[in-house]
Amino acid sequence: MAETNTFSFDFLNELGIKELNDGTSTGQKFFSSNNAESKEIFSPVDGKLIAKVKFTTEEEYSKIIKQAQEAFLVWRKISAPKRGEIVRQYGNVLRQHKNSLGKLVSYEMGKSLQEGLGEVQEMIDICDFAVGLSRQLHGLTMHSERANHRMYEQWHPLGIVGIISAFNFPVAVWSWNSMLAAVCGNVCIWKPSEKTPLSAIACQNILSKVLSENNLPEGIFSLINGDYKMGELLCKDESVALVSATGSTRMGKIVAETVASRFGKSLLELGGNNAIIISQNANLDLAMRAVAFGAAGTAGQRCTSTRRVIIHESIYETVKNKLLKIYSQLTIGNPLTGNLVGPLIDKAAVNSYLNAIKQLQSEGGKVIFGNEVMQGEGFESDCYVKPTICEAENSYNIVQHETFAPILYLIEYKNLDEAIALQNGVRQGLSSAIFTDNLQEAETFLSAWGSDCGIANVNIGTSGAEIGGAFGGEKETGGGRESGSDAWKNYMRRQTNTINYGNELPLAQGIKFDV
């Protein structure tokens, strides 16, 4: 592999990334066919070739499915705490490789190194959560109306769980799904984004050591690589009980319809159009920090990125000027060397950024900062853009649309009811926030007639969710819930049991059927 930058590439060697990588794995072993298509993976950081990945063929996919089916027959019989022990070991190995994996995430995807390291920490955290969960999988016991009867419910694993993840979180979202699904007794097949397959291969390399050392069957954690066609195979496959998909609303609709047509289950984490309301009663120092991180962090490529700031009319100019000052100080460049804002994932994303700004202007909006593609030394990939601030109306078509880029829309409001209506007045419903020191405003925002999002925060931003809470949103965000709370129930089937320990056979509802 040719040298592609001034910083060390030792992290690639540590993670087992080669010049040409097999993209198909049963957990312990990677393999590929001679006729497998290979894809070159370029870093958005410097535009250089990192490595090549062989995509999974349909024949290889069939082998992966067969191996997963066989592995499930074994894995489901292993006790949940022992399954948790495997996850615990994986979490510990991740701790050893956190620095290297964080660098790979940053280099392959383009987010800042701090965010790359944070994403790996999120994997470690969900492993810890899943280990505890493995001893707490529970059902209810209900009193029966029939004498000498007992009713209770159990939760059993589904079988094969397909995981389709997006480029913006190359490793964390897979771990949210796979670690919980695994302790619940399922086996997992991961189809990562074709834009960030190397991070997935690295995760699989790390995991393979744990699986081999514990003499576990192949197929518990599998990996397939490819474009949307590989995702279609998962969605259409009747042997895949649940498909968890993260991505655009357009993609989610296709997944939902395809999986539902065969009566499978889907778990959808789709787009967000997230807003922060800034009240006249807000602590502006806190609010400005939250807006900057939410809107410019990861170059606006999070589903929880702050897209809209809804500002009370009495402080609108003050907030605007504060944001302009902050944005003028943001450092843009190589995210592995301390810059706060890295590149967009590719040139198509840059075009989306430029087109969104043009549409905003055509609708009457005003750009007050940004609207620039960075050029020159340090921006060789042509994927760096300046975070942009616009004055807009919530009703603009482009404001209603989620653009995966650092574009922030400033919107003015007069009273709280109007602010909440503006916040809710989009098709997406993922994350939301209000900054206020007024208790009534805060509680109104969190009430049933407040934010309609799956996540509603007070005095923190729209990004940075912890793994302890269920993550997901409503409306076109898809309705799925992942990570904490009782999200584990997504990966299991409920069974109600009734036991008669008497000598008679009474029927429910007092029905008599004597023969």
Protein backbone atom coordinates (compact mmCIF):
# COMPACT_ATOMS: atom_id res chain seq x y z
CA MET A 1 0.00 0.00 0.00
CA ALA A 2 1.41 3.36 -0.99
CA GLU A 3 2.06 5.96 1.68
CA THR A 4 -0.87 8.38 1.57
CA ASN A 5 -0.20 10.97 4.26
CA THR A 6 2.33 12.21 6.77
CA PHE A 7 0.77 10.50 9.78
CA SER A 8 1.49 6.88 10.67
CA PHE A 9 -0.63 4.08 9.24
CA ASP A 10 0.30 1.61 11.98
CA PHE A 11 -3.37 1.49 13.00
CA LEU A 12 -4.22 -0.25 9.72
CA ASN A 13 -1.72 -3.02 10.40
CA GLU A 14 -2.95 -3.45 13.96
CA LEU A 15 -6.51 -3.88 12.72
CA GLY A 16 -5.57 -6.37 10.01
CA ILE A 17 -6.39 -4.09 7.07
CA LYS A 18 -4.52 -5.18 3.92
CA GLU A 19 -4.20 -3.76 0.43
CA LEU A 20 -6.90 -6.18 -0.75
CA ASN A 21 -9.40 -7.41 1.85
CA ASP A 22 -11.95 -10.19 1.68
CA GLY A 23 -15.31 -8.65 2.52
CA THR A 24 -17.20 -11.78 3.57
CA SER A 25 -16.83 -13.43 6.97
CA THR A 26 -18.54 -16.08 9.08
CA GLY A 27 -17.10 -14.55 12.22
CA GLN A 28 -13.86 -16.49 12.44
CA LYS A 29 -12.92 -16.75 8.75
CA PHE A 30 -12.83 -14.35 5.82
CA PHE A 31 -13.22 -15.66 2.29
CA SER A 32 -13.98 -14.51 -1.24
CA SER A 33 -14.61 -15.96 -4.68
CA ASN A 34 -12.26 -15.46 -7.59
CA ASN A 35 -15.03 -13.66 -9.46
CA ALA A 36 -15.86 -11.30 -6.58
CA GLU A 37 -16.00 -7.63 -7.52
CA SER A 38 -13.55 -5.42 -5.63
CA LYS A 39 -14.11 -1.80 -4.65
CA GLU A 40 -11.45 0.81 -3.98
CA ILE A 41 -11.97 2.73 -0.74
CA PHE A 42 -10.69 6.29 -0.74
CA SER A 43 -10.42 8.47 2.35
CA PRO A 44 -12.38 11.73 2.28
CA VAL A 45 -9.64 13.14 4.51
CA ASP A 46 -6.97 13.31 1.78
CA GLY A 47 -8.51 11.59 -1.23
CA LYS A 48 -5.98 8.77 -1.07
CA LEU A 49 -6.61 5.07 -1.60
CA ILE A 50 -6.77 3.20 1.71
CA ALA A 51 -7.41 -0.34 0.46
CA LYS A 52 -9.64 -2.48 -1.72
CA VAL A 53 -12.49 -4.70 -0.54
CA LYS A 54 -13.94 -7.72 -2.30
CA PHE A 55 -17.72 -7.56 -2.38
CA THR A 56 -19.84 -10.56 -1.41
CA THR A 57 -21.28 -12.61 -4.26
CA GLU A 58 -24.77 -14.13 -4.21
CA GLU A 59 -23.19 -17.56 -3.87
CA GLU A 60 -21.22 -16.38 -0.84
CA TYR A 61 -24.36 -14.82 0.60
CA SER A 62 -26.07 -18.21 0.45
CA LYS A 63 -23.15 -19.76 2.34
CA ILE A 64 -23.38 -17.05 5.01
CA ILE A 65 -27.11 -17.66 5.47
CA LYS A 66 -26.64 -21.43 5.77
CA GLN A 67 -23.82 -20.98 8.31
CA ALA A 68 -25.94 -18.54 10.33
CA GLN A 69 -28.89 -20.92 10.41
CA GLU A 70 -26.66 -23.70 11.74
CA ALA A 71 -25.01 -21.41 14.29
CA PHE A 72 -28.38 -20.27 15.63
CA LEU A 73 -29.29 -23.85 16.56
CA VAL A 74 -26.27 -23.88 18.88
CA TRP A 75 -26.17 -20.26 20.06
CA ARG A 76 -29.80 -20.15 21.24
CA LYS A 77 -29.17 -23.07 23.62
CA ILE A 78 -26.25 -21.33 25.33
CA SER A 79 -27.46 -19.57 28.46
CA ALA A 80 -27.93 -15.82 28.19
CA PRO A 81 -25.28 -15.03 30.87
CA LYS A 82 -22.75 -17.13 28.97
CA ARG A 83 -23.64 -15.31 25.78
CA GLY A 84 -23.06 -12.14 27.77
CA GLU A 85 -19.62 -13.40 28.71
CA ILE A 86 -18.65 -13.50 25.02
CA VAL A 87 -19.84 -9.91 24.63
CA ARG A 88 -17.88 -8.93 27.75
CA GLN A 89 -14.71 -10.33 26.23
CA TYR A 90 -15.33 -8.46 23.00
CA GLY A 91 -15.76 -5.22 24.94
CA ASN A 92 -12.41 -5.79 26.62
CA VAL A 93 -10.65 -6.44 23.30
CA LEU A 94 -12.23 -3.27 21.92
CA ARG A 95 -10.65 -1.37 24.79
CA GLN A 96 -7.25 -2.61 23.67
CA HIS A 97 -7.86 -1.47 20.08
CA LYS A 98 -9.83 1.70 20.81
CA ASN A 99 -7.15 4.10 19.59
CA SER A 100 -6.49 2.28 16.32
CA LEU A 101 -10.15 1.63 15.52
CA GLY A 102 -11.02 5.24 16.34
CA LYS A 103 -8.35 6.41 13.89
CA LEU A 104 -9.69 4.14 11.17
CA VAL A 105 -13.24 5.40 11.70
CA SER A 106 -11.97 8.97 11.47
CA TYR A 107 -9.83 8.35 8.40
CA GLU A 108 -12.35 6.27 6.47
CA MET A 109 -15.46 8.34 7.31
CA GLY A 110 -13.99 11.79 7.93
CA LYS A 111 -15.24 12.63 11.42
CA SER A 112 -12.88 14.18 13.97
CA LEU A 113 -10.57 11.85 15.85
CA GLN A 114 -12.34 12.68 19.10
CA GLU A 115 -15.63 11.61 17.54
CA GLY A 116 -14.02 8.46 16.10
CA LEU A 117 -12.71 7.52 19.53
CA GLY A 118 -16.09 8.38 21.02
CA GLU A 119 -17.80 6.03 18.60
CA VAL A 120 -15.58 3.14 19.68
CA GLN A 121 -16.28 4.04 23.31
CA GLU A 122 -19.96 3.78 22.45
CA MET A 123 -19.29 0.21 21.29
CA ILE A 124 -17.58 -0.55 24.58
CA ASP A 125 -20.46 0.99 26.52
CA ILE A 126 -23.10 -1.06 24.70
CA CYS A 127 -21.08 -4.20 25.37
CA ASP A 128 -21.17 -3.38 29.09
CA PHE A 129 -24.91 -2.70 28.86
CA ALA A 130 -25.52 -5.98 27.04
CA VAL A 131 -23.52 -7.96 29.61
CA GLY A 132 -25.77 -6.68 32.39
CA LEU A 133 -28.84 -7.26 30.24
CA SER A 134 -27.86 -10.90 29.74
CA ARG A 135 -28.82 -11.53 33.39
CA GLN A 136 -32.00 -9.44 33.27
CA LEU A 137 -34.02 -10.73 30.31
CA HIS A 138 -37.43 -10.99 31.87
CA GLY A 139 -41.13 -11.52 31.34
CA LEU A 140 -44.24 -10.92 33.43
CA THR A 141 -46.28 -13.26 35.59
CA MET A 142 -50.04 -12.70 35.47
CA HIS A 143 -52.81 -14.01 37.71
CA SER A 144 -55.20 -16.35 35.91
CA GLU A 145 -58.96 -16.09 36.28
CA ARG A 146 -59.04 -19.90 36.34
CA ALA A 147 -58.34 -21.73 39.58
CA ASN A 148 -55.09 -23.68 39.81
CA HIS A 149 -53.69 -21.98 36.73
CA ARG A 150 -50.59 -19.82 36.30
CA MET A 151 -49.89 -17.44 33.42
CA TYR A 152 -46.59 -15.91 32.47
CA GLU A 153 -44.70 -14.68 29.41
CA GLN A 154 -41.32 -15.61 28.00
CA TRP A 155 -39.10 -13.94 25.43
CA HIS A 156 -37.31 -16.12 22.88
CA PRO A 157 -34.75 -15.21 20.20
CA LEU A 158 -35.95 -14.52 16.68
CA GLY A 159 -33.18 -16.24 14.72
CA ILE A 160 -31.16 -14.35 12.12
CA VAL A 161 -30.95 -10.57 12.51
CA GLY A 162 -29.81 -8.60 9.47
CA ILE A 163 -28.10 -5.26 10.19
CA ILE A 164 -27.76 -2.62 7.48
CA SER A 165 -25.68 0.30 8.77
CA ALA A 166 -24.86 3.73 7.35
CA PHE A 167 -21.51 5.41 6.64
CA ASN A 168 -21.82 8.16 9.26
CA PHE A 169 -21.51 5.75 12.21
CA PRO A 170 -19.48 2.91 10.66
CA VAL A 171 -19.25 0.79 13.82
CA ALA A 172 -21.46 2.05 16.67
CA VAL A 173 -24.89 1.33 15.18
CA TRP A 174 -23.86 -2.23 14.32
CA SER A 175 -22.82 -2.77 17.93
CA TRP A 176 -26.10 -1.36 19.25
CA ASN A 177 -27.94 -4.03 17.33
CA SER A 178 -25.54 -6.95 17.35
CA MET A 179 -24.53 -6.96 21.02
CA LEU A 180 -28.13 -6.82 22.23
CA ALA A 181 -29.32 -9.30 19.61
CA ALA A 182 -26.51 -11.68 20.58
CA VAL A 183 -27.24 -11.79 24.31
CA CYS A 184 -30.89 -12.37 23.37
CA GLY A 185 -29.80 -15.52 21.53
CA ASN A 186 -29.82 -14.34 17.90
CA VAL A 187 -27.14 -14.56 15.24
CA CYS A 188 -26.33 -11.47 13.17
CA ILE A 189 -25.41 -10.71 9.57
CA TRP A 190 -23.92 -7.25 9.05
CA LYS A 191 -24.12 -5.37 5.77
CA PRO A 192 -22.16 -2.11 6.30
CA SER A 193 -22.26 0.90 4.00
CA GLU A 194 -20.25 0.35 0.82
CA LYS A 195 -18.61 3.70 1.64
CA THR A 196 -17.06 2.49 4.93
CA PRO A 197 -16.45 -1.27 4.74
CA LEU A 198 -12.95 -1.23 6.23
CA SER A 199 -14.17 -0.24 9.69
CA ALA A 200 -16.55 -3.20 9.58
CA ILE A 201 -13.78 -5.56 8.51
CA ALA A 202 -11.63 -4.30 11.39
CA CYS A 203 -14.46 -4.97 13.89
CA GLN A 204 -14.80 -8.47 12.50
CA ASN A 205 -11.05 -9.07 12.74
CA ILE A 206 -11.10 -8.07 16.41
CA LEU A 207 -14.18 -10.17 17.13
CA SER A 208 -12.84 -13.28 15.38
CA LYS A 209 -10.19 -13.72 18.07
CA VAL A 210 -12.81 -13.85 20.81
CA LEU A 211 -14.99 -16.30 18.92
CA SER A 212 -12.09 -18.62 18.10
CA GLU A 213 -10.71 -18.61 21.64
CA ASN A 214 -14.13 -19.70 22.93
CA ASN A 215 -14.53 -22.48 20.33
CA LEU A 216 -17.82 -21.09 19.13
CA PRO A 217 -19.41 -22.13 15.83
CA GLU A 218 -18.95 -19.96 12.78
CA GLY A 219 -21.91 -17.82 11.78
CA ILE A 220 -22.83 -16.09 15.04
CA PHE A 221 -21.52 -12.74 13.79
CA SER A 222 -21.24 -12.67 9.99
CA LEU A 223 -20.23 -9.94 7.55
CA ILE A 224 -21.27 -9.32 3.97
CA ASN A 225 -20.18 -6.40 1.79
CA GLY A 226 -21.70 -4.84 -1.29
CA ASP A 227 -24.02 -2.17 -2.61
CA TYR A 228 -27.79 -1.90 -2.22
CA LYS A 229 -28.29 -5.25 -3.98
CA MET A 230 -26.78 -7.07 -1.01
CA GLY A 231 -29.19 -5.23 1.28
CA GLU A 232 -32.05 -6.31 -0.96
CA LEU A 233 -31.06 -9.94 -0.48
CA LEU A 234 -31.34 -9.53 3.30
CA CYS A 235 -34.70 -7.81 3.01
CA LYS A 236 -36.20 -10.43 0.70
CA ASP A 237 -34.77 -13.45 2.52
CA GLU A 238 -37.49 -15.23 4.50
CA SER A 239 -34.86 -16.80 6.75
CA VAL A 240 -33.90 -13.34 8.09
CA ALA A 241 -36.34 -12.70 10.92
CA LEU A 242 -35.52 -9.04 11.54
CA VAL A 243 -33.85 -6.41 9.37
CA SER A 244 -32.52 -3.42 11.27
CA ALA A 245 -31.74 -0.63 8.81
CA THR A 246 -30.18 2.78 9.35
CA GLY A 247 -30.20 5.30 6.53
CA SER A 248 -32.36 7.67 4.53
CA THR A 249 -36.13 7.79 4.63
CA ARG A 250 -36.20 6.76 0.98
CA MET A 251 -34.17 3.65 1.76
CA GLY A 252 -36.27 2.92 4.84
CA LYS A 253 -39.50 2.89 2.89
CA ILE A 254 -38.07 0.29 0.51
CA VAL A 255 -36.85 -1.85 3.41
CA ALA A 256 -40.16 -1.60 5.25
CA GLU A 257 -42.25 -2.55 2.22
CA THR A 258 -39.97 -5.41 1.19
CA VAL A 259 -39.71 -6.97 4.65
CA ALA A 260 -43.41 -6.48 5.41
CA SER A 261 -44.38 -8.19 2.15
CA ARG A 262 -43.03 -11.45 3.61
CA PHE A 263 -44.31 -10.68 7.15
CA GLY A 264 -40.81 -10.16 8.48
CA LYS A 265 -39.90 -7.60 11.11
CA SER A 266 -38.03 -4.37 10.48
CA LEU A 267 -36.40 -1.87 12.83
CA LEU A 268 -35.88 1.48 11.13
CA GLU A 269 -33.61 4.38 12.13
CA LEU A 270 -34.01 6.96 9.38
CA GLY A 271 -33.61 10.68 8.79
CA GLY A 272 -33.82 13.56 11.21
CA ASN A 273 -34.58 17.27 10.78
CA ASN A 274 -33.69 18.29 14.27
CA ALA A 275 -34.32 21.66 15.86
CA ILE A 276 -33.16 23.54 18.94
CA ILE A 277 -35.54 26.11 20.38
CA ILE A 278 -33.70 28.99 22.07
CA SER A 279 -35.98 30.80 24.48
CA GLN A 280 -35.53 34.35 25.73
CA ASN A 281 -35.00 32.61 29.08
CA ALA A 282 -32.06 30.50 27.81
CA ASN A 283 -28.48 30.32 29.04
CA LEU A 284 -26.97 31.45 25.74
CA ASP A 285 -23.46 30.24 26.54
CA LEU A 286 -24.77 26.68 26.85
CA ALA A 287 -27.01 27.04 23.84
CA MET A 288 -24.27 28.31 21.52
CA ARG A 289 -21.97 25.41 22.37
CA ALA A 290 -24.77 22.92 21.75
CA VAL A 291 -25.70 24.46 18.40
CA ALA A 292 -22.10 24.52 17.19
CA PHE A 293 -21.47 20.89 18.07
CA GLY A 294 -24.85 19.73 16.80
CA ALA A 295 -24.68 21.59 13.49
CA ALA A 296 -20.97 21.49 12.56
CA GLY A 297 -19.81 18.29 14.28
CA THR A 298 -19.27 15.35 11.91
CA ALA A 299 -19.70 18.02 9.19
CA GLY A 300 -23.47 17.81 9.68
CA GLN A 301 -23.57 14.11 8.81
CA ARG A 302 -25.39 12.76 11.84
CA CYS A 303 -29.03 11.75 11.86
CA THR A 304 -29.18 13.85 15.06
CA SER A 305 -27.35 16.87 13.59
CA THR A 306 -28.94 20.22 14.39
CA ARG A 307 -30.55 21.48 11.16
CA ARG A 308 -32.77 24.26 12.51
CA VAL A 309 -32.45 26.81 15.32
CA ILE A 310 -35.76 28.35 16.34
CA ILE A 311 -34.97 31.63 18.13
CA HIS A 312 -37.20 33.96 20.13
CA GLU A 313 -37.61 37.27 18.33
CA SER A 314 -36.26 39.29 21.28
CA ILE A 315 -32.84 37.60 21.10
CA TYR A 316 -32.69 36.68 17.42
CA GLU A 317 -30.00 39.19 16.44
CA THR A 318 -27.95 38.42 19.54
CA VAL A 319 -27.97 34.67 18.83
CA LYS A 320 -27.22 35.21 15.14
CA ASN A 321 -24.18 37.35 15.93
CA LYS A 322 -22.89 34.90 18.51
CA LEU A 323 -23.17 32.03 16.01
CA LEU A 324 -21.40 34.04 13.31
CA LYS A 325 -18.49 34.62 15.70
CA ILE A 326 -18.30 30.94 16.67
CA TYR A 327 -18.48 29.74 13.06
CA SER A 328 -15.66 32.09 12.07
CA GLN A 329 -13.44 30.30 14.61
CA LEU A 330 -14.20 26.69 13.57
CA THR A 331 -11.11 24.88 12.32
CA ILE A 332 -11.63 22.91 9.11
CA GLY A 333 -9.20 20.26 7.90
CA ASN A 334 -7.70 16.85 8.55
CA PRO A 335 -9.85 15.47 11.39
CA LEU A 336 -7.02 13.31 12.73
CA THR A 337 -4.88 16.34 13.58
CA GLY A 338 -7.21 18.23 15.91
CA ASN A 339 -9.51 20.06 13.51
CA LEU A 340 -13.13 20.34 14.62
CA VAL A 341 -14.70 19.98 11.17
CA GLY A 342 -13.62 17.26 8.75
CA PRO A 343 -14.75 16.47 5.22
CA LEU A 344 -18.04 15.31 3.79
CA ILE A 345 -18.02 11.64 2.87
CA ASP A 346 -17.61 12.16 -0.90
CA LYS A 347 -18.06 14.58 -3.78
CA ALA A 348 -21.70 13.60 -4.19
CA ALA A 349 -22.29 14.93 -0.68
CA VAL A 350 -20.53 18.17 -1.64
CA ASN A 351 -22.88 18.57 -4.60
CA SER A 352 -25.84 17.96 -2.29
CA TYR A 353 -24.54 20.75 -0.03
CA LEU A 354 -24.21 23.19 -2.93
CA ASN A 355 -27.59 22.29 -4.42
CA ALA A 356 -29.33 22.73 -1.07
CA ILE A 357 -27.93 26.25 -0.72
CA LYS A 358 -28.99 27.13 -4.26
CA GLN A 359 -32.50 25.88 -3.55
CA LEU A 360 -32.64 27.86 -0.32
CA GLN A 361 -31.71 31.04 -2.17
CA SER A 362 -34.27 30.35 -4.90
CA GLU A 363 -36.97 30.10 -2.22
CA GLY A 364 -36.02 33.44 -0.70
CA GLY A 365 -33.59 32.35 2.02
CA LYS A 366 -30.37 34.21 2.79
CA VAL A 367 -26.88 32.80 3.33
CA ILE A 368 -25.11 34.78 6.06
CA PHE A 369 -22.04 32.56 6.48
CA GLY A 370 -20.29 29.80 4.54
CA ASN A 371 -21.39 28.49 1.15
CA GLU A 372 -17.85 27.57 0.19
CA VAL A 373 -15.98 24.46 -0.95
CA MET A 374 -12.51 24.54 0.60
CA GLN A 375 -9.58 24.38 -1.78
CA GLY A 376 -5.80 24.37 -1.60
CA GLU A 377 -3.28 22.63 0.63
CA GLY A 378 -4.90 20.32 3.16
CA PHE A 379 -8.12 20.01 1.16
CA GLU A 380 -6.88 17.67 -1.57
CA SER A 381 -9.93 15.40 -1.45
CA ASP A 382 -12.24 18.25 -2.57
CA CYS A 383 -14.69 17.06 0.11
CA TYR A 384 -14.29 19.92 2.60
CA VAL A 385 -16.96 22.60 2.86
CA LYS A 386 -17.42 25.55 5.15
CA PRO A 387 -20.23 25.12 7.70
CA THR A 388 -23.02 27.41 6.56
CA ILE A 389 -25.63 29.53 8.35
CA CYS A 390 -28.81 30.62 6.57
CA GLU A 391 -31.84 32.69 7.47
CA ALA A 392 -34.94 30.81 6.40
CA GLU A 393 -38.60 29.98 6.89
CA ASN A 394 -39.69 26.61 8.20
CA SER A 395 -42.07 26.24 5.25
CA TYR A 396 -39.31 26.24 2.62
CA ASN A 397 -39.12 22.92 0.77
CA ILE A 398 -35.38 22.67 1.37
CA VAL A 399 -35.83 23.27 5.11
CA GLN A 400 -38.36 20.45 5.18
CA HIS A 401 -35.75 18.17 3.61
CA GLU A 402 -32.82 16.58 5.47
CA THR A 403 -29.54 17.59 3.80
CA PHE A 404 -26.60 15.57 5.12
CA ALA A 405 -24.24 18.55 5.32
CA PRO A 406 -23.35 21.37 7.74
CA ILE A 407 -26.16 23.76 6.82
CA LEU A 408 -27.97 25.50 9.68
CA TYR A 409 -31.27 27.34 9.26
CA LEU A 410 -32.16 30.22 11.61
CA ILE A 411 -35.91 30.68 12.18
CA GLU A 412 -37.62 33.30 14.32
CA TYR A 413 -40.59 32.77 16.68
CA LYS A 414 -42.86 34.92 18.87
CA ASN A 415 -44.23 32.56 21.56
CA LEU A 416 -43.68 29.01 22.79
CA ASP A 417 -46.73 27.52 21.08
CA GLU A 418 -45.44 28.82 17.75
CA ALA A 419 -41.95 27.50 18.48
CA ILE A 420 -43.24 24.00 19.24
CA ALA A 421 -45.41 24.06 16.12
CA LEU A 422 -42.34 25.00 14.05
CA GLN A 423 -40.28 22.29 15.72
CA ASN A 424 -42.96 19.70 14.97
CA GLY A 425 -43.73 21.06 11.52
CA VAL A 426 -41.49 18.69 9.55
CA ARG A 427 -41.94 15.11 8.35
CA GLN A 428 -39.13 13.74 10.53
CA GLY A 429 -39.27 13.21 14.28
CA LEU A 430 -35.92 12.10 15.68
CA SER A 431 -34.29 14.56 18.09
CA SER A 432 -35.25 17.94 19.54
CA ALA A 433 -34.14 20.35 22.25
CA ILE A 434 -35.08 23.52 24.05
CA PHE A 435 -32.79 25.87 25.92
CA THR A 436 -34.62 27.64 28.72
CA ASP A 437 -34.29 28.24 32.45
CA ASN A 438 -38.07 28.59 32.71
CA LEU A 439 -39.62 25.48 34.27
CA GLN A 440 -42.99 25.94 32.59
CA GLU A 441 -41.40 26.19 29.15
CA ALA A 442 -39.27 23.10 29.77
CA GLU A 443 -42.14 20.98 31.01
CA THR A 444 -44.45 22.14 28.22
CA PHE A 445 -41.83 21.13 25.66
CA LEU A 446 -41.65 17.64 27.22
CA SER A 447 -45.42 17.24 27.55
CA ALA A 448 -47.77 15.28 25.29
CA TRP A 449 -48.51 18.53 23.42
CA GLY A 450 -44.83 19.45 23.19
CA SER A 451 -42.11 17.91 21.03
CA ASP A 452 -43.30 15.03 18.84
CA CYS A 453 -39.80 13.53 18.54
CA GLY A 454 -38.45 10.30 19.97
CA ILE A 455 -35.78 12.34 21.76
CA ALA A 456 -36.58 15.60 23.55
CA ASN A 457 -33.90 17.39 25.56
CA VAL A 458 -33.77 20.40 27.84
CA ASN A 459 -30.58 22.48 27.98
CA ILE A 460 -28.56 19.99 25.95
CA GLY A 461 -28.37 19.71 22.18
CA THR A 462 -29.87 17.28 19.70
CA SER A 463 -26.71 15.14 19.38
CA GLY A 464 -24.82 12.98 21.84
CA ALA A 465 -27.35 10.38 23.02
CA GLU A 466 -26.24 7.94 25.73
CA ILE A 467 -26.62 4.20 25.24
CA GLY A 468 -28.78 3.81 28.38
CA GLY A 469 -31.83 5.33 26.75
CA ALA A 470 -33.78 3.98 23.78
CA PHE A 471 -32.65 5.75 20.60
CA GLY A 472 -35.01 6.47 17.73
CA GLY A 473 -37.76 8.68 16.41
CA GLU A 474 -41.25 9.01 15.02
CA LYS A 475 -42.91 9.88 11.69
CA GLU A 476 -40.51 9.49 8.75
CA THR A 477 -37.69 8.64 11.17
CA GLY A 478 -39.22 5.17 11.16
CA GLY A 479 -40.42 4.50 14.70
CA GLY A 480 -37.58 2.13 15.63
CA ARG A 481 -35.82 2.05 18.97
CA GLU A 482 -32.27 0.81 19.49
CA SER A 483 -29.66 0.70 22.26
CA GLY A 484 -30.90 1.13 25.82
CA SER A 485 -34.07 0.85 27.91
CA ASP A 486 -36.18 -2.10 26.67
CA ALA A 487 -35.00 -1.96 23.05
CA TRP A 488 -33.84 -5.56 23.53
CA LYS A 489 -37.44 -6.68 23.01
CA ASN A 490 -37.07 -5.86 19.29
CA TYR A 491 -34.78 -8.86 18.96
CA MET A 492 -37.08 -11.36 20.64
CA ARG A 493 -40.51 -12.91 20.21
CA ARG A 494 -43.04 -12.89 23.04
CA GLN A 495 -44.70 -16.10 24.16
CA THR A 496 -47.58 -16.29 26.65
CA ASN A 497 -47.72 -19.51 28.69
CA THR A 498 -50.53 -20.94 30.81
CA ILE A 499 -49.97 -23.87 33.13
CA ASN A 500 -52.81 -25.91 34.65
CA TYR A 501 -51.63 -27.59 37.82
CA GLY A 502 -55.12 -28.72 38.91
CA ASN A 503 -57.32 -31.71 38.11
CA GLU A 504 -60.05 -29.86 36.24
CA LEU A 505 -60.22 -28.05 32.89
CA PRO A 506 -62.11 -24.78 33.40
CA LEU A 507 -62.40 -22.53 30.35
CA ALA A 508 -61.80 -18.81 30.31
CA GLN A 509 -64.74 -16.38 30.37
CA GLY A 510 -66.75 -19.06 32.22
CA ILE A 511 -67.56 -20.94 29.02
CA LYS A 512 -69.11 -24.38 29.56
CA PHE A 513 -68.32 -27.16 27.10
CA ASP A 514 -69.11 -30.38 28.93
CA VAL A 515 -68.96 -33.62 26.95
